[in-house]
N, C-alpha and C. Protein backbone atom coordinates (compact mmCIF):
# COMPACT_ATOMS: atom_id res chain seq x y z
N UNK A 1 70.72 3.02 112.15
CA UNK A 1 69.85 2.13 112.95
C UNK A 1 70.84 0.85 112.95
N UNK A 2 70.67 0.28 114.26
CA UNK A 2 71.31 -0.90 114.46
C UNK A 2 70.43 -2.09 114.55
N UNK A 3 69.66 -2.38 113.55
CA UNK A 3 68.61 -3.50 113.68
C UNK A 3 69.34 -4.57 112.78
N UNK A 4 69.44 -5.78 113.51
CA UNK A 4 70.03 -6.94 112.85
C UNK A 4 69.38 -7.32 111.53
N UNK A 5 67.95 -7.28 111.60
CA UNK A 5 67.17 -7.68 110.48
C UNK A 5 67.37 -6.65 109.33
N UNK A 6 67.43 -5.44 109.57
CA UNK A 6 67.70 -4.28 108.63
C UNK A 6 69.15 -4.57 107.87
N UNK A 7 70.13 -5.01 108.84
CA UNK A 7 71.28 -5.26 108.16
C UNK A 7 71.39 -6.60 107.24
N UNK A 8 70.47 -7.54 107.64
CA UNK A 8 70.41 -8.86 106.90
C UNK A 8 69.68 -8.39 105.44
N UNK A 9 68.80 -7.57 105.67
CA UNK A 9 68.06 -7.10 104.29
C UNK A 9 68.99 -6.34 103.47
N UNK A 10 69.91 -5.47 104.07
CA UNK A 10 70.81 -4.72 103.25
C UNK A 10 71.93 -5.60 102.90
N UNK A 11 72.15 -6.83 103.26
CA UNK A 11 73.34 -7.66 102.68
C UNK A 11 74.39 -7.39 103.52
N UNK A 12 74.41 -6.73 104.46
CA UNK A 12 75.36 -6.52 105.58
C UNK A 12 75.79 -7.61 106.32
N UNK A 13 74.80 -8.54 106.56
CA UNK A 13 75.10 -9.72 107.42
C UNK A 13 74.53 -10.89 106.54
N UNK A 14 75.14 -12.13 106.78
CA UNK A 14 74.70 -13.21 105.95
C UNK A 14 73.31 -13.86 106.49
N UNK A 15 72.64 -14.55 105.58
CA UNK A 15 71.47 -15.32 105.86
C UNK A 15 71.44 -16.50 105.03
N UNK A 16 70.65 -17.60 105.52
CA UNK A 16 70.34 -18.76 104.64
C UNK A 16 69.03 -18.40 103.95
N UNK A 17 69.06 -17.69 102.97
CA UNK A 17 67.71 -17.28 102.29
C UNK A 17 66.81 -18.31 101.83
N UNK A 18 65.65 -18.23 101.99
CA UNK A 18 64.67 -19.17 101.57
C UNK A 18 63.78 -18.49 100.34
N UNK A 19 63.44 -17.18 100.43
CA UNK A 19 62.74 -16.54 99.52
C UNK A 19 62.93 -15.02 99.67
N UNK A 20 62.91 -14.29 98.51
CA UNK A 20 62.82 -12.83 98.49
C UNK A 20 62.37 -12.34 97.32
N UNK A 21 61.46 -11.20 97.59
CA UNK A 21 61.09 -10.41 96.58
C UNK A 21 61.28 -8.87 96.97
N UNK A 22 60.51 -7.99 96.25
CA UNK A 22 60.68 -6.65 96.41
C UNK A 22 60.29 -6.12 97.86
N UNK A 23 59.48 -6.81 98.50
CA UNK A 23 58.92 -6.51 99.78
C UNK A 23 59.39 -7.18 101.09
N UNK A 24 59.72 -8.47 100.94
CA UNK A 24 59.96 -9.36 101.96
C UNK A 24 61.23 -10.18 101.83
N UNK A 25 61.85 -10.60 102.89
CA UNK A 25 62.98 -11.54 102.81
C UNK A 25 62.65 -12.60 103.76
N UNK A 26 62.81 -13.82 103.36
CA UNK A 26 62.61 -15.02 104.34
C UNK A 26 64.03 -15.86 104.34
N UNK A 27 64.41 -16.18 105.69
CA UNK A 27 65.69 -16.91 105.67
C UNK A 27 65.46 -17.77 106.96
N UNK A 28 66.23 -18.95 107.04
CA UNK A 28 66.06 -19.94 108.11
C UNK A 28 66.80 -19.32 109.41
N UNK A 29 66.03 -19.52 110.49
CA UNK A 29 66.34 -19.11 111.75
C UNK A 29 67.82 -19.71 112.22
N UNK A 30 68.56 -18.96 112.84
CA UNK A 30 69.99 -19.42 113.34
C UNK A 30 69.87 -20.46 114.40
N UNK A 31 68.63 -20.49 115.11
CA UNK A 31 68.55 -21.17 116.37
C UNK A 31 67.11 -21.98 116.28
N UNK A 32 66.92 -22.79 115.18
CA UNK A 32 65.59 -23.36 115.06
C UNK A 32 65.13 -24.12 116.23
N UNK A 33 63.69 -24.11 116.42
CA UNK A 33 63.03 -24.89 117.41
C UNK A 33 62.31 -26.05 116.75
N UNK A 34 62.32 -26.04 115.47
CA UNK A 34 61.68 -27.29 114.76
C UNK A 34 62.47 -27.50 113.51
N UNK A 35 62.22 -28.78 112.91
CA UNK A 35 62.88 -28.88 111.59
C UNK A 35 62.72 -27.80 110.50
N UNK A 36 61.48 -27.24 110.53
CA UNK A 36 61.25 -25.99 109.65
C UNK A 36 61.11 -24.75 110.54
N UNK A 37 62.10 -23.85 110.47
CA UNK A 37 61.90 -22.63 111.19
C UNK A 37 62.46 -21.51 110.49
N UNK A 38 61.54 -20.66 109.73
CA UNK A 38 61.87 -19.66 108.72
C UNK A 38 61.50 -18.29 109.45
N UNK A 39 62.22 -17.28 109.29
CA UNK A 39 61.89 -15.89 109.65
C UNK A 39 61.46 -15.12 108.42
N UNK A 40 60.34 -14.54 108.38
CA UNK A 40 59.91 -13.65 107.26
C UNK A 40 59.77 -12.21 107.72
N UNK A 41 60.59 -11.27 107.08
CA UNK A 41 60.59 -9.93 107.52
C UNK A 41 60.34 -8.93 106.40
N UNK A 42 59.46 -7.93 106.50
CA UNK A 42 59.22 -6.89 105.56
C UNK A 42 60.59 -6.08 105.23
N UNK A 43 60.76 -5.50 104.17
CA UNK A 43 62.04 -4.98 103.93
C UNK A 43 61.87 -3.41 104.31
N UNK A 44 60.95 -3.09 104.98
CA UNK A 44 61.01 -1.67 105.66
C UNK A 44 60.89 -1.85 107.31
N UNK A 45 61.52 -0.96 108.05
CA UNK A 45 61.58 -1.30 109.32
C UNK A 45 60.30 -0.72 110.08
N UNK A 46 59.77 -1.66 110.86
CA UNK A 46 58.74 -1.30 111.88
C UNK A 46 58.90 -2.29 112.94
N UNK A 47 58.72 -1.70 114.27
CA UNK A 47 59.01 -2.46 115.36
C UNK A 47 58.26 -3.87 115.42
N UNK A 48 57.07 -3.71 115.27
CA UNK A 48 56.14 -4.95 115.61
C UNK A 48 54.76 -4.68 114.92
N UNK A 49 53.89 -5.57 115.06
CA UNK A 49 52.54 -5.66 114.45
C UNK A 49 51.78 -4.31 115.01
N UNK A 50 52.16 -3.84 116.16
CA UNK A 50 51.62 -2.73 116.75
C UNK A 50 51.96 -1.47 115.93
N UNK A 51 52.91 -1.43 115.04
CA UNK A 51 53.28 -0.43 114.30
C UNK A 51 52.86 -0.32 112.86
N UNK A 52 51.94 -1.20 112.44
CA UNK A 52 51.47 -1.23 111.01
C UNK A 52 50.56 -0.03 110.88
N UNK A 53 50.64 0.66 109.65
CA UNK A 53 49.82 1.86 109.34
C UNK A 53 50.47 2.32 108.04
N UNK A 54 49.58 2.97 107.24
CA UNK A 54 50.11 3.75 106.13
C UNK A 54 50.87 2.68 105.23
N UNK A 55 51.93 3.07 104.56
CA UNK A 55 52.59 2.20 103.69
C UNK A 55 53.11 0.96 104.27
N UNK A 56 53.39 0.88 105.53
CA UNK A 56 53.95 -0.45 106.23
C UNK A 56 52.74 -1.51 106.14
N UNK A 57 51.52 -1.08 106.13
CA UNK A 57 50.29 -2.14 106.09
C UNK A 57 50.46 -2.99 104.78
N UNK A 58 51.02 -2.27 103.64
CA UNK A 58 50.89 -3.22 102.42
C UNK A 58 52.10 -4.14 102.57
N UNK A 59 53.37 -3.80 103.25
CA UNK A 59 54.36 -4.81 103.40
C UNK A 59 53.99 -5.91 104.38
N UNK A 60 53.35 -5.52 105.42
CA UNK A 60 52.82 -6.53 106.27
C UNK A 60 51.77 -7.63 105.72
N UNK A 61 50.87 -7.06 105.01
CA UNK A 61 49.82 -7.76 104.31
C UNK A 61 50.53 -8.74 103.26
N UNK A 62 51.57 -8.25 102.39
CA UNK A 62 52.20 -9.02 101.47
C UNK A 62 53.01 -10.17 102.18
N UNK A 63 53.61 -9.99 103.32
CA UNK A 63 54.24 -11.06 104.07
C UNK A 63 53.25 -12.12 104.39
N UNK A 64 52.21 -11.69 104.92
CA UNK A 64 51.11 -12.64 105.39
C UNK A 64 50.74 -13.44 104.22
N UNK A 65 50.46 -12.88 103.08
CA UNK A 65 49.97 -13.57 101.90
C UNK A 65 50.92 -14.47 101.42
N UNK A 66 52.30 -14.45 101.53
CA UNK A 66 53.32 -15.15 101.06
C UNK A 66 53.80 -16.31 102.01
N UNK A 67 53.13 -16.31 103.28
CA UNK A 67 53.53 -17.32 104.21
C UNK A 67 53.12 -18.80 103.56
N UNK A 68 52.02 -19.06 103.05
CA UNK A 68 51.88 -20.43 102.46
C UNK A 68 52.79 -20.80 101.55
N UNK A 69 53.33 -19.83 100.54
CA UNK A 69 54.16 -20.08 99.62
C UNK A 69 55.55 -20.54 100.15
N UNK A 70 56.05 -19.75 101.00
CA UNK A 70 57.20 -19.93 101.89
C UNK A 70 57.26 -21.26 102.48
N UNK A 71 56.15 -21.49 103.28
CA UNK A 71 56.08 -22.87 103.92
C UNK A 71 56.12 -24.00 103.00
N UNK A 72 55.45 -23.89 101.79
CA UNK A 72 55.60 -24.96 100.81
C UNK A 72 56.94 -25.15 100.28
N UNK A 73 57.62 -23.97 100.12
CA UNK A 73 59.01 -24.13 99.64
C UNK A 73 60.03 -24.94 100.63
N UNK A 74 59.55 -24.83 101.87
CA UNK A 74 60.26 -25.73 102.96
C UNK A 74 59.75 -26.91 103.07
N UNK A 75 58.61 -27.39 102.23
CA UNK A 75 58.13 -28.70 102.34
C UNK A 75 57.03 -28.85 103.43
N UNK A 76 56.67 -27.85 104.05
CA UNK A 76 55.48 -27.84 105.15
C UNK A 76 54.20 -27.67 104.67
N UNK A 77 53.73 -28.71 104.05
CA UNK A 77 52.38 -28.56 103.51
C UNK A 77 51.36 -29.18 104.37
N UNK A 78 51.71 -29.97 105.30
CA UNK A 78 50.74 -30.61 106.34
C UNK A 78 50.43 -29.87 107.62
N UNK A 79 50.73 -28.55 107.70
CA UNK A 79 50.43 -27.78 108.78
C UNK A 79 51.73 -27.11 109.14
N UNK A 80 51.56 -25.91 109.70
CA UNK A 80 52.62 -25.17 110.28
C UNK A 80 52.06 -24.03 111.21
N UNK A 81 52.98 -23.44 112.00
CA UNK A 81 52.44 -22.45 112.95
C UNK A 81 53.20 -21.18 112.38
N UNK A 82 52.42 -20.03 112.67
CA UNK A 82 53.03 -18.64 112.29
C UNK A 82 52.88 -17.95 113.65
N UNK A 83 54.02 -17.34 114.01
CA UNK A 83 54.09 -16.52 115.28
C UNK A 83 54.82 -15.27 115.01
N UNK A 84 54.21 -14.15 115.65
CA UNK A 84 54.91 -12.89 115.71
C UNK A 84 54.83 -12.28 117.06
N UNK A 85 55.81 -12.30 117.72
CA UNK A 85 56.04 -11.69 119.05
C UNK A 85 55.98 -10.24 119.07
N UNK A 86 55.35 -9.72 120.24
CA UNK A 86 55.29 -8.31 120.23
C UNK A 86 55.69 -7.84 121.52
N UNK A 87 56.97 -6.97 121.68
CA UNK A 87 57.43 -6.46 122.90
C UNK A 87 58.14 -7.63 123.79
N UNK A 88 58.92 -7.05 124.72
CA UNK A 88 59.81 -7.85 125.52
C UNK A 88 58.92 -8.89 126.35
N UNK A 89 57.88 -8.55 126.82
CA UNK A 89 57.00 -9.62 127.57
C UNK A 89 56.30 -10.48 126.61
N UNK A 90 56.22 -10.28 125.38
CA UNK A 90 55.72 -11.19 124.41
C UNK A 90 56.78 -12.03 123.92
N UNK A 91 58.09 -11.73 124.22
CA UNK A 91 59.14 -12.64 123.75
C UNK A 91 59.73 -12.22 122.44
N UNK A 92 59.49 -11.04 122.11
CA UNK A 92 60.22 -10.26 120.81
C UNK A 92 61.70 -10.07 121.23
N UNK A 93 62.49 -10.58 120.52
CA UNK A 93 64.02 -10.35 120.70
C UNK A 93 64.75 -9.54 119.76
N UNK A 94 64.10 -9.34 118.50
CA UNK A 94 64.61 -8.40 117.61
C UNK A 94 63.31 -7.42 117.16
N UNK A 95 63.68 -6.11 117.50
CA UNK A 95 62.61 -5.06 117.33
C UNK A 95 62.38 -4.78 115.85
N UNK A 96 62.03 -5.62 115.01
CA UNK A 96 61.65 -5.48 113.60
C UNK A 96 60.60 -6.46 113.33
N UNK A 97 59.47 -6.07 112.84
CA UNK A 97 58.45 -7.01 112.64
C UNK A 97 58.75 -8.19 111.92
N UNK A 98 58.48 -9.46 112.39
CA UNK A 98 58.91 -10.66 111.66
C UNK A 98 57.88 -11.73 112.01
N UNK A 99 57.75 -12.69 111.17
CA UNK A 99 56.76 -13.79 111.34
C UNK A 99 57.68 -15.03 111.35
N UNK A 100 57.57 -15.97 112.29
CA UNK A 100 58.18 -17.23 112.33
C UNK A 100 57.35 -18.25 111.73
N UNK A 101 57.88 -18.90 110.81
CA UNK A 101 57.11 -20.01 110.10
C UNK A 101 57.79 -21.28 110.82
N UNK A 102 56.94 -22.04 111.66
CA UNK A 102 57.48 -23.37 112.42
C UNK A 102 56.63 -24.52 111.98
N UNK A 103 57.36 -25.52 111.60
CA UNK A 103 56.79 -26.77 111.17
C UNK A 103 57.81 -27.99 111.08
N UNK A 104 57.26 -28.85 110.11
CA UNK A 104 58.21 -29.89 109.85
C UNK A 104 57.95 -31.12 110.89
N UNK A 105 57.12 -30.88 111.73
CA UNK A 105 56.70 -31.98 112.73
C UNK A 105 55.43 -31.65 113.47
N UNK A 106 54.89 -32.48 114.06
CA UNK A 106 53.62 -32.43 114.77
C UNK A 106 53.94 -31.41 115.85
N UNK A 107 53.25 -30.25 116.08
CA UNK A 107 53.43 -29.42 117.13
C UNK A 107 52.40 -29.52 118.13
N UNK A 108 52.95 -29.31 119.31
CA UNK A 108 52.01 -29.31 120.50
C UNK A 108 51.22 -27.99 120.61
N UNK A 109 50.54 -27.91 121.83
CA UNK A 109 49.69 -26.63 121.91
C UNK A 109 50.06 -25.84 122.87
N UNK A 110 51.23 -26.13 123.64
CA UNK A 110 51.87 -25.30 124.68
C UNK A 110 52.38 -24.10 124.08
N UNK A 111 52.11 -23.02 124.49
CA UNK A 111 52.65 -21.76 123.92
C UNK A 111 53.62 -21.04 124.91
N UNK A 112 53.73 -21.49 126.12
CA UNK A 112 54.45 -20.82 127.19
C UNK A 112 55.94 -21.15 127.06
């Protein structure tokens, strides 16, 4: 499989790691759109939220539960945004389920 996030999880590609456990890896985005921009990926491959089911549901749920802890590690305790893009029209550029933690400043409401 030629998934960049799978290669990062396997240690084949470098990342600026923020958090890791047996089910997820969190690392800083290489092209941040905010002072805090962390990517959280389950350690099993699934394309997007549309593919959650069976064993993968536990990985996705674990990632969601860990978001506040990871945001706090980055000092984002006064609010942050969580985004998961789905499909090309939804802006998904890597076909591996991932969550963006975006914060570190007051965010606007424009999502376009």
